[in-house]
Amino acid sequence: MKWSVPRMWEGKTVAILASGPSMSKDTAEKVRAAGVPTITINTTFRLAPWADMFYAADARWWDVYWKAVSPLPGLKVTCESDAPFHLLPELLLLGNSGRTGFDPNPAFVRTGGNSGYQAIHVAVQAGARRVLLCGFDLRGEGHWHGIHPDPLRNAGEGLFPRWIEWYETLFKDLSSMDVEVLNCTPNSALQLWPCVSLDEALLLVASA
């Protein structure tokens, strides 16, 4: 079903839990305890089945995991029109308006080549005042859960430099907006936004 992101998180802090090697159950539970809206990326739904949104761009990922995600209460979102909507009727579809930068139209995302990039779009379009990035390592091999099973693609070092270049265009566009992005990923290769510990970031949330 085609979808447009509503301003459902106006002025709030939103956490995005990606799938890098640094992601953990402990990280997910800290975010849960803080009570902030949460988006999971791909198979990180297994660490946070309580999340408000499950985002995955890859249609093949939905082919593999639709049955596991279906009973979960959060929104299910993609930007791939060939995802298995016939199997998962509640799956919501955003348009793809290109690869770089930020699209303010809440019915579209720019892809950046990866779901984490797109989830930042969604958080900002939903009205987030602050976005926390967890599991955005963009270095090393694999994910916190190991490699994806066939036929899913596994990101590697060859892709990460290109992704970071595309993130630079998102950083540029968001810099003129009233939104704060904090990278809470230890030793992340994504150095565009301030890097702080998750504990520090959640203290900001608690004191707001």
Protein backbone atom coordinates (compact mmCIF):
# COMPACT_ATOMS: atom_id res chain seq x y z
CA MET A 1 0.00 0.00 0.00
CA LYS A 2 1.39 3.42 -0.95
CA TRP A 3 2.11 5.54 2.09
CA SER A 4 3.07 9.03 3.15
CA VAL A 5 4.87 9.48 6.48
CA PRO A 6 2.65 11.35 8.97
CA ARG A 7 4.08 13.83 11.49
CA MET A 8 3.67 11.20 14.19
CA TRP A 9 6.92 11.96 16.08
CA GLU A 10 6.78 15.75 16.07
CA GLY A 11 9.54 17.23 18.24
CA LYS A 12 10.61 13.84 19.60
CA THR A 13 13.86 11.89 19.73
CA VAL A 14 13.80 8.85 17.43
CA ALA A 15 16.26 5.95 17.65
CA ILE A 16 17.28 3.92 14.62
CA LEU A 17 18.66 0.47 15.36
CA ALA A 18 20.70 -0.72 12.38
CA SER A 19 22.44 -4.06 11.92
CA GLY A 20 26.15 -3.32 12.26
CA PRO A 21 28.40 -5.56 14.38
CA SER A 22 28.14 -3.19 17.35
CA MET A 23 24.39 -3.61 17.69
CA SER A 24 23.34 -5.64 20.74
CA LYS A 25 20.40 -6.60 22.89
CA ASP A 26 21.77 -4.30 25.58
CA THR A 27 21.66 -1.33 23.19
CA ALA A 28 18.10 -2.17 22.18
CA GLU A 29 16.99 -2.49 25.79
CA LYS A 30 18.51 0.88 26.73
CA VAL A 31 16.54 2.48 23.92
CA ARG A 32 13.40 0.67 25.00
CA ALA A 33 13.82 1.84 28.60
CA ALA A 34 14.13 5.45 27.38
CA GLY A 35 10.72 5.16 25.76
CA VAL A 36 11.69 6.87 22.50
CA PRO A 37 10.10 5.98 19.13
CA THR A 38 12.25 3.32 17.50
CA ILE A 39 12.89 2.11 13.94
CA THR A 40 14.69 -1.17 13.34
CA ILE A 41 16.61 -1.97 10.18
CA ASN A 42 16.27 -5.40 8.58
CA THR A 43 16.91 -8.32 10.94
CA THR A 44 17.44 -6.10 13.97
CA PHE A 45 13.72 -6.57 14.54
CA ARG A 46 14.82 -9.70 16.42
CA LEU A 47 16.46 -7.52 19.09
CA ALA A 48 13.54 -5.10 19.29
CA PRO A 49 10.25 -6.79 18.37
CA TRP A 50 8.55 -3.98 20.31
CA ALA A 51 9.80 -1.28 17.89
CA ASP A 52 7.42 1.27 16.39
CA MET A 53 8.60 0.58 12.85
CA PHE A 54 10.40 -2.19 10.97
CA TYR A 55 12.16 -0.82 7.89
CA ALA A 56 13.80 -2.83 5.13
CA ALA A 57 14.40 -1.67 1.58
CA ASP A 58 15.35 -5.04 0.09
CA ALA A 59 12.34 -6.82 -1.39
CA ARG A 60 14.17 -10.13 -1.00
CA TRP A 61 14.50 -9.49 2.74
CA TRP A 62 10.73 -9.24 2.98
CA ASP A 63 10.44 -12.48 0.97
CA VAL A 64 12.50 -14.22 3.66
CA TYR A 65 11.21 -12.56 6.82
CA TRP A 66 7.64 -11.44 6.17
CA LYS A 67 6.18 -14.29 8.21
CA ALA A 68 8.35 -13.48 11.25
CA VAL A 69 7.56 -9.75 11.12
CA SER A 70 3.86 -10.06 10.34
CA PRO A 71 2.63 -10.67 13.96
CA LEU A 72 4.61 -7.74 15.36
CA PRO A 73 2.65 -4.56 16.12
CA GLY A 74 4.99 -1.97 14.58
CA LEU A 75 4.61 -0.40 11.14
CA LYS A 76 6.25 -2.33 8.30
CA VAL A 77 7.81 -0.07 5.65
CA THR A 78 9.82 -0.41 2.44
CA CYS A 79 10.59 1.54 -0.74
CA GLU A 80 10.72 -1.50 -3.03
CA SER A 81 7.62 -1.88 -5.18
CA ASP A 82 8.34 -5.57 -5.83
CA ALA A 83 8.20 -6.52 -2.13
CA PRO A 84 5.66 -9.28 -1.31
CA PHE A 85 2.63 -7.09 -0.61
CA HIS A 86 0.37 -10.04 -1.44
CA LEU A 87 1.83 -11.90 1.55
CA LEU A 88 2.01 -8.90 3.87
CA PRO A 89 -0.90 -6.56 3.04
CA GLU A 90 0.00 -4.17 5.86
CA LEU A 91 3.43 -3.47 4.31
CA LEU A 92 3.65 0.26 3.51
CA LEU A 93 5.36 1.56 0.36
CA LEU A 94 7.29 4.81 0.04
CA GLY A 95 8.35 6.10 -3.35
CA ASN A 96 11.97 6.19 -4.48
CA SER A 97 12.97 9.66 -5.71
CA GLY A 98 16.68 9.07 -6.23
CA ARG A 99 19.84 8.12 -4.40
CA THR A 100 21.31 11.23 -2.75
CA GLY A 101 20.22 14.12 -0.57
CA PHE A 102 16.96 14.50 1.34
CA ASP A 103 13.44 14.53 -0.08
CA PRO A 104 11.04 16.61 2.05
CA ASN A 105 8.04 14.98 0.37
CA PRO A 106 6.89 12.43 3.00
CA ALA A 107 5.70 10.05 0.31
CA PHE A 108 9.26 9.52 -0.94
CA VAL A 109 12.78 8.72 0.24
CA ARG A 110 16.20 9.02 -1.32
CA THR A 111 17.83 5.63 -0.98
CA GLY A 112 21.51 6.25 -0.21
CA GLY A 113 22.04 2.61 -1.19
CA ASN A 114 20.98 1.35 2.25
CA SER A 115 18.03 1.13 4.62
CA GLY A 116 19.69 3.12 7.41
CA TYR A 117 19.91 6.17 5.15
CA GLN A 118 16.24 5.78 4.28
CA ALA A 119 15.21 5.36 7.92
CA ILE A 120 16.79 8.72 8.76
CA HIS A 121 14.53 10.18 6.08
CA VAL A 122 11.49 8.61 7.67
CA ALA A 123 12.39 9.81 11.17
CA VAL A 124 12.87 13.40 9.97
CA GLN A 125 9.74 13.33 7.82
CA ALA A 126 7.84 12.12 10.90
CA GLY A 127 8.89 15.28 12.73
CA ALA A 128 11.85 14.07 14.80
CA ARG A 129 13.82 16.82 16.52
CA ARG A 130 16.70 14.44 17.33
CA VAL A 131 17.75 11.16 15.68
CA LEU A 132 20.00 8.60 17.39
CA LEU A 133 21.98 6.23 15.17
CA CYS A 134 22.84 2.83 16.66
CA GLY A 135 24.53 0.01 14.77
CA PHE A 136 25.74 2.32 11.98
CA ASP A 137 29.27 0.85 11.96
CA LEU A 138 29.90 1.07 8.19
CA ARG A 139 33.06 -0.93 8.70
CA GLY A 140 34.01 -4.58 9.05
CA GLU A 141 32.18 -7.57 7.68
CA GLY A 142 28.78 -8.97 8.45
CA HIS A 143 26.23 -7.85 10.97
CA TRP A 144 25.52 -8.43 14.66
CA HIS A 145 23.62 -11.54 13.54
CA GLY A 146 26.29 -12.82 11.16
CA ILE A 147 25.88 -12.97 7.40
CA HIS A 148 22.48 -12.89 5.76
CA PRO A 149 21.28 -16.22 4.39
CA ASP A 150 20.97 -16.70 0.64
CA PRO A 151 19.59 -15.07 -1.44
CA LEU A 152 20.15 -11.88 0.57
CA ARG A 153 23.06 -9.56 -0.12
CA ASN A 154 25.73 -8.95 2.51
CA ALA A 155 27.31 -5.51 2.65
CA GLY A 156 31.08 -5.36 2.88
CA GLU A 157 34.00 -2.97 2.92
CA GLY A 158 33.67 -2.33 -0.81
CA LEU A 159 30.26 -0.71 -0.36
CA PHE A 160 30.84 1.34 2.76
CA PRO A 161 33.00 4.16 1.26
CA ARG A 162 30.36 4.71 -1.42
CA TRP A 163 27.59 4.75 1.19
CA ILE A 164 29.49 7.32 3.25
CA GLU A 165 29.77 9.57 0.17
CA TRP A 166 26.01 9.38 -0.23
CA TYR A 167 25.50 10.07 3.49
CA GLU A 168 27.48 13.27 2.95
CA THR A 169 24.69 14.56 0.69
CA LEU A 170 22.10 13.73 3.36
CA PHE A 171 24.23 15.47 6.00
CA LYS A 172 24.41 18.58 3.82
CA ASP A 173 20.64 18.77 3.35
CA LEU A 174 19.81 18.08 6.99
CA SER A 175 22.32 20.71 8.17
CA SER A 176 19.87 23.46 7.18
CA MET A 177 17.00 21.84 9.07
CA ASP A 178 16.03 21.96 12.73
CA VAL A 179 17.07 18.38 13.46
CA GLU A 180 19.99 16.98 15.48
CA VAL A 181 21.55 13.68 14.43
CA LEU A 182 23.81 11.91 16.94
CA ASN A 183 25.83 8.84 16.03
CA CYS A 184 25.73 6.50 19.04
CA THR A 185 27.71 3.75 17.33
CA PRO A 186 31.11 2.96 18.92
CA ASN A 187 34.00 3.28 16.43
CA SER A 188 31.68 4.14 13.57
CA ALA A 189 33.26 4.99 10.22
CA LEU A 190 30.41 7.45 9.67
CA GLN A 191 31.94 10.61 11.13
CA LEU A 192 29.61 13.24 9.66
CA TRP A 193 27.47 13.74 12.75
CA PRO A 194 28.67 14.09 16.36
CA CYS A 195 29.66 10.74 17.86
CA VAL A 196 28.49 10.27 21.44
CA SER A 197 27.79 7.28 23.61
CA LEU A 198 24.22 6.04 23.75
CA ASP A 199 24.18 6.75 27.48
CA GLU A 200 25.11 10.40 26.83
CA ALA A 201 22.45 10.74 24.16
CA LEU A 202 19.76 9.23 26.37
CA LEU A 203 20.69 11.64 29.17
CA LEU A 204 19.81 14.45 26.76
CA VAL A 205 16.45 12.79 26.19
CA ALA A 206 15.84 12.42 29.92
CA SER A 207 16.72 16.06 30.62
CA ALA A 208 14.57 17.50 27.82
